[in-house]
């Protein structure tokens, strides 16, 4: 099967990646696609990031923690504006 890149930017980027990795354009494209798919599937949510940072410092969210109500954000905005 042949890989055909018709977009000039895609071709330039694929060739640049192949040059950096010292590999073929096809292998560079496959590697880039695999890495992108993996990154998108393993992206942390803000909650996951907060949990990871807290755990790093020996802390954690309380078990029965409730979300901050929307009114709290409104009140903060009003305090900053006034």
N, C-alpha and C. Protein backbone atom coordinates (compact mmCIF):
# COMPACT_ATOMS: atom_id res chain seq x y z
N UNK A 1 0.85 -1.18 0.00
CA UNK A 1 0.00 0.00 0.00
C UNK A 1 0.90 1.23 0.00
N UNK A 2 0.50 2.26 -0.73
CA UNK A 2 1.28 3.47 -0.88
C UNK A 2 0.70 4.58 -0.02
N UNK A 3 1.60 5.34 0.61
CA UNK A 3 1.18 6.52 1.36
C UNK A 3 1.36 7.72 0.44
N UNK A 4 0.30 8.47 0.25
CA UNK A 4 0.36 9.64 -0.62
C UNK A 4 -0.10 10.85 0.17
N UNK A 5 0.80 11.80 0.34
CA UNK A 5 0.46 13.02 1.06
C UNK A 5 0.35 14.13 0.03
N UNK A 6 -0.82 14.69 -0.11
CA UNK A 6 -1.05 15.72 -1.13
C UNK A 6 -1.07 17.13 -0.56
N UNK A 7 -1.15 17.24 0.74
CA UNK A 7 -1.15 18.55 1.38
C UNK A 7 0.30 18.97 1.62
N UNK A 8 0.66 20.17 1.17
CA UNK A 8 2.06 20.62 1.27
C UNK A 8 2.54 20.72 2.71
N UNK A 9 1.70 21.23 3.61
CA UNK A 9 2.09 21.34 5.02
C UNK A 9 2.29 19.97 5.64
N UNK A 10 1.37 19.05 5.36
CA UNK A 10 1.49 17.69 5.90
C UNK A 10 2.75 17.02 5.37
N UNK A 11 3.05 17.20 4.10
CA UNK A 11 4.25 16.62 3.50
C UNK A 11 5.50 17.19 4.15
N UNK A 12 5.53 18.51 4.31
CA UNK A 12 6.69 19.17 4.93
C UNK A 12 6.91 18.68 6.35
N UNK A 13 5.81 18.60 7.12
CA UNK A 13 5.92 18.15 8.51
C UNK A 13 6.34 16.69 8.60
N UNK A 14 5.79 15.86 7.74
CA UNK A 14 6.14 14.44 7.74
C UNK A 14 7.61 14.25 7.39
N UNK A 15 8.08 14.99 6.42
CA UNK A 15 9.50 14.89 6.03
C UNK A 15 10.41 15.41 7.13
N UNK A 16 9.99 16.48 7.80
CA UNK A 16 10.79 17.02 8.91
C UNK A 16 10.87 16.01 10.06
N UNK A 17 9.75 15.39 10.39
CA UNK A 17 9.75 14.38 11.46
C UNK A 17 10.61 13.19 11.07
N UNK A 18 10.52 12.77 9.82
CA UNK A 18 11.33 11.65 9.34
C UNK A 18 12.82 11.99 9.45
N UNK A 19 13.16 13.22 9.14
CA UNK A 19 14.55 13.68 9.25
C UNK A 19 15.01 13.66 10.71
N UNK A 20 14.18 14.17 11.60
CA UNK A 20 14.52 14.20 13.03
C UNK A 20 14.70 12.78 13.57
N UNK A 21 13.77 11.88 13.20
CA UNK A 21 13.81 10.50 13.69
C UNK A 21 14.75 9.60 12.89
N UNK A 22 15.30 10.15 11.80
CA UNK A 22 16.17 9.36 10.92
C UNK A 22 15.46 8.07 10.46
N UNK A 23 14.28 8.27 9.91
CA UNK A 23 13.46 7.15 9.47
C UNK A 23 12.76 7.53 8.17
N UNK A 24 11.90 6.66 7.69
CA UNK A 24 11.14 6.96 6.46
C UNK A 24 9.96 7.87 6.79
N UNK A 25 9.45 8.51 5.75
CA UNK A 25 8.27 9.35 5.92
C UNK A 25 7.09 8.52 6.41
N UNK A 26 6.92 7.33 5.86
CA UNK A 26 5.82 6.46 6.28
C UNK A 26 5.92 6.13 7.76
N UNK A 27 7.11 5.73 8.21
CA UNK A 27 7.31 5.39 9.62
C UNK A 27 7.09 6.62 10.51
N UNK A 28 7.52 7.79 10.06
CA UNK A 28 7.32 9.02 10.83
C UNK A 28 5.83 9.32 10.98
N UNK A 29 5.06 9.14 9.92
CA UNK A 29 3.62 9.39 9.97
C UNK A 29 2.94 8.39 10.90
N UNK A 30 3.30 7.12 10.80
CA UNK A 30 2.71 6.09 11.66
C UNK A 30 3.03 6.40 13.13
N UNK A 31 4.28 6.73 13.41
CA UNK A 31 4.69 7.04 14.78
C UNK A 31 3.93 8.25 15.31
N UNK A 32 3.82 9.29 14.50
CA UNK A 32 3.11 10.49 14.92
C UNK A 32 1.64 10.20 15.21
N UNK A 33 1.03 9.41 14.36
CA UNK A 33 -0.38 9.05 14.58
C UNK A 33 -0.55 8.22 15.84
N UNK A 34 0.34 7.26 16.06
CA UNK A 34 0.26 6.43 17.27
C UNK A 34 0.42 7.29 18.53
N UNK A 35 1.39 8.19 18.50
CA UNK A 35 1.63 9.05 19.67
C UNK A 35 0.46 9.99 19.92
N UNK A 36 -0.13 10.52 18.87
CA UNK A 36 -1.27 11.41 19.01
C UNK A 36 -2.48 10.68 19.57
N UNK A 37 -2.75 9.49 19.06
CA UNK A 37 -3.88 8.69 19.56
C UNK A 37 -3.67 8.37 21.03
N UNK A 38 -2.47 7.94 21.39
CA UNK A 38 -2.18 7.61 22.80
C UNK A 38 -2.37 8.84 23.69
N UNK A 39 -1.86 9.98 23.26
CA UNK A 39 -1.98 11.21 24.05
C UNK A 39 -3.44 11.61 24.25
N UNK A 40 -4.23 11.48 23.23
CA UNK A 40 -5.64 11.88 23.34
C UNK A 40 -6.44 10.93 24.22
N UNK A 41 -6.04 9.66 24.24
CA UNK A 41 -6.76 8.69 25.06
C UNK A 41 -6.33 8.74 26.52
N UNK A 42 -5.17 9.32 26.80
CA UNK A 42 -4.66 9.33 28.17
C UNK A 42 -4.62 10.73 28.77
N UNK A 43 -5.33 11.67 28.17
CA UNK A 43 -5.33 13.04 28.68
C UNK A 43 -6.01 13.09 30.04
N UNK A 44 -5.36 13.77 30.97
CA UNK A 44 -5.91 13.92 32.31
C UNK A 44 -7.04 14.95 32.32
N UNK A 45 -8.03 14.68 33.13
CA UNK A 45 -9.05 15.69 33.39
C UNK A 45 -8.49 16.63 34.45
N UNK A 46 -9.04 17.84 34.60
CA UNK A 46 -8.57 18.72 35.67
C UNK A 46 -8.67 18.05 37.05
N UNK A 47 -9.72 17.26 37.25
CA UNK A 47 -9.89 16.56 38.53
C UNK A 47 -8.75 15.56 38.74
N UNK A 48 -8.39 14.82 37.67
CA UNK A 48 -7.29 13.86 37.77
C UNK A 48 -5.97 14.56 38.08
N UNK A 49 -5.75 15.71 37.45
CA UNK A 49 -4.53 16.48 37.69
C UNK A 49 -4.47 16.94 39.14
N UNK A 50 -5.57 17.48 39.64
CA UNK A 50 -5.62 17.93 41.03
C UNK A 50 -5.37 16.76 41.98
N UNK A 51 -6.00 15.63 41.71
CA UNK A 51 -5.82 14.45 42.56
C UNK A 51 -4.36 13.99 42.56
N UNK A 52 -3.73 13.99 41.38
CA UNK A 52 -2.33 13.55 41.26
C UNK A 52 -1.41 14.49 42.04
N UNK A 53 -1.63 15.80 41.92
CA UNK A 53 -0.79 16.77 42.63
C UNK A 53 -0.98 16.65 44.13
N UNK A 54 -2.21 16.51 44.57
CA UNK A 54 -2.47 16.35 46.01
C UNK A 54 -1.80 15.09 46.54
N UNK A 55 -1.92 13.98 45.82
CA UNK A 55 -1.30 12.72 46.25
C UNK A 55 0.22 12.84 46.32
N UNK A 56 0.80 13.59 45.40
CA UNK A 56 2.25 13.80 45.40
C UNK A 56 2.71 14.44 46.70
N UNK A 57 1.84 15.26 47.29
CA UNK A 57 2.17 15.97 48.53
C UNK A 57 1.54 15.32 49.76
N UNK A 58 1.08 14.09 49.61
CA UNK A 58 0.50 13.37 50.73
C UNK A 58 -0.88 13.85 51.14
N UNK A 59 -1.57 14.50 50.23
CA UNK A 59 -2.90 15.03 50.51
C UNK A 59 -3.92 14.33 49.62
N UNK A 60 -5.21 14.56 49.90
CA UNK A 60 -6.25 13.99 49.06
C UNK A 60 -7.54 14.78 49.24
N UNK A 61 -8.47 14.58 48.30
CA UNK A 61 -9.79 15.17 48.45
C UNK A 61 -10.51 14.45 49.59
N UNK A 62 -11.29 15.16 50.40
CA UNK A 62 -12.11 14.46 51.39
C UNK A 62 -13.08 13.51 50.68
N UNK A 63 -13.39 12.38 51.31
CA UNK A 63 -14.25 11.36 50.70
C UNK A 63 -15.63 11.89 50.33
N UNK A 64 -16.22 12.74 51.19
CA UNK A 64 -17.58 13.22 50.96
C UNK A 64 -17.58 14.65 50.38
N UNK A 65 -16.52 15.00 49.66
CA UNK A 65 -16.38 16.33 49.09
C UNK A 65 -17.49 16.61 48.08
N UNK A 66 -18.07 17.80 48.18
CA UNK A 66 -19.12 18.21 47.25
C UNK A 66 -18.57 19.32 46.35
N UNK A 67 -19.07 19.41 45.13
CA UNK A 67 -18.60 20.47 44.23
C UNK A 67 -18.94 21.85 44.78
N UNK A 68 -18.15 22.83 44.40
CA UNK A 68 -18.43 24.21 44.79
C UNK A 68 -19.68 24.65 44.04
N UNK A 69 -20.65 25.23 44.73
CA UNK A 69 -21.88 25.65 44.05
C UNK A 69 -21.60 26.82 43.11
N UNK A 70 -22.33 26.91 42.00
CA UNK A 70 -22.12 28.00 41.04
C UNK A 70 -22.22 29.39 41.67
N UNK A 71 -23.04 29.53 42.70
CA UNK A 71 -23.21 30.83 43.36
C UNK A 71 -21.89 31.33 43.94
N UNK A 72 -21.03 30.41 44.39
CA UNK A 72 -19.75 30.81 44.97
C UNK A 72 -18.90 31.55 43.93
N UNK A 73 -18.92 31.07 42.69
CA UNK A 73 -18.15 31.74 41.63
C UNK A 73 -18.73 33.12 41.35
N UNK A 74 -20.06 33.21 41.34
CA UNK A 74 -20.72 34.50 41.14
C UNK A 74 -20.31 35.47 42.25
N UNK A 75 -20.33 34.99 43.49
CA UNK A 75 -19.96 35.85 44.62
C UNK A 75 -18.51 36.30 44.49
N UNK A 76 -17.62 35.42 44.05
CA UNK A 76 -16.22 35.80 43.88
C UNK A 76 -16.09 36.89 42.80
N UNK A 77 -16.81 36.73 41.71
CA UNK A 77 -16.78 37.75 40.65
C UNK A 77 -17.23 39.11 41.17
N UNK A 78 -18.29 39.10 41.97
CA UNK A 78 -18.81 40.36 42.49
C UNK A 78 -17.81 40.99 43.45
N UNK A 79 -17.13 40.16 44.26
CA UNK A 79 -16.14 40.70 45.19
C UNK A 79 -14.98 41.34 44.44
N UNK A 80 -14.56 40.76 43.34
CA UNK A 80 -13.44 41.27 42.57
C UNK A 80 -13.81 42.56 41.84
N UNK A 81 -15.08 42.66 41.41
CA UNK A 81 -15.52 43.83 40.65
C UNK A 81 -15.74 45.03 41.54
N UNK A 82 -16.06 44.80 42.79
CA UNK A 82 -16.43 45.91 43.67
C UNK A 82 -15.34 46.28 44.52
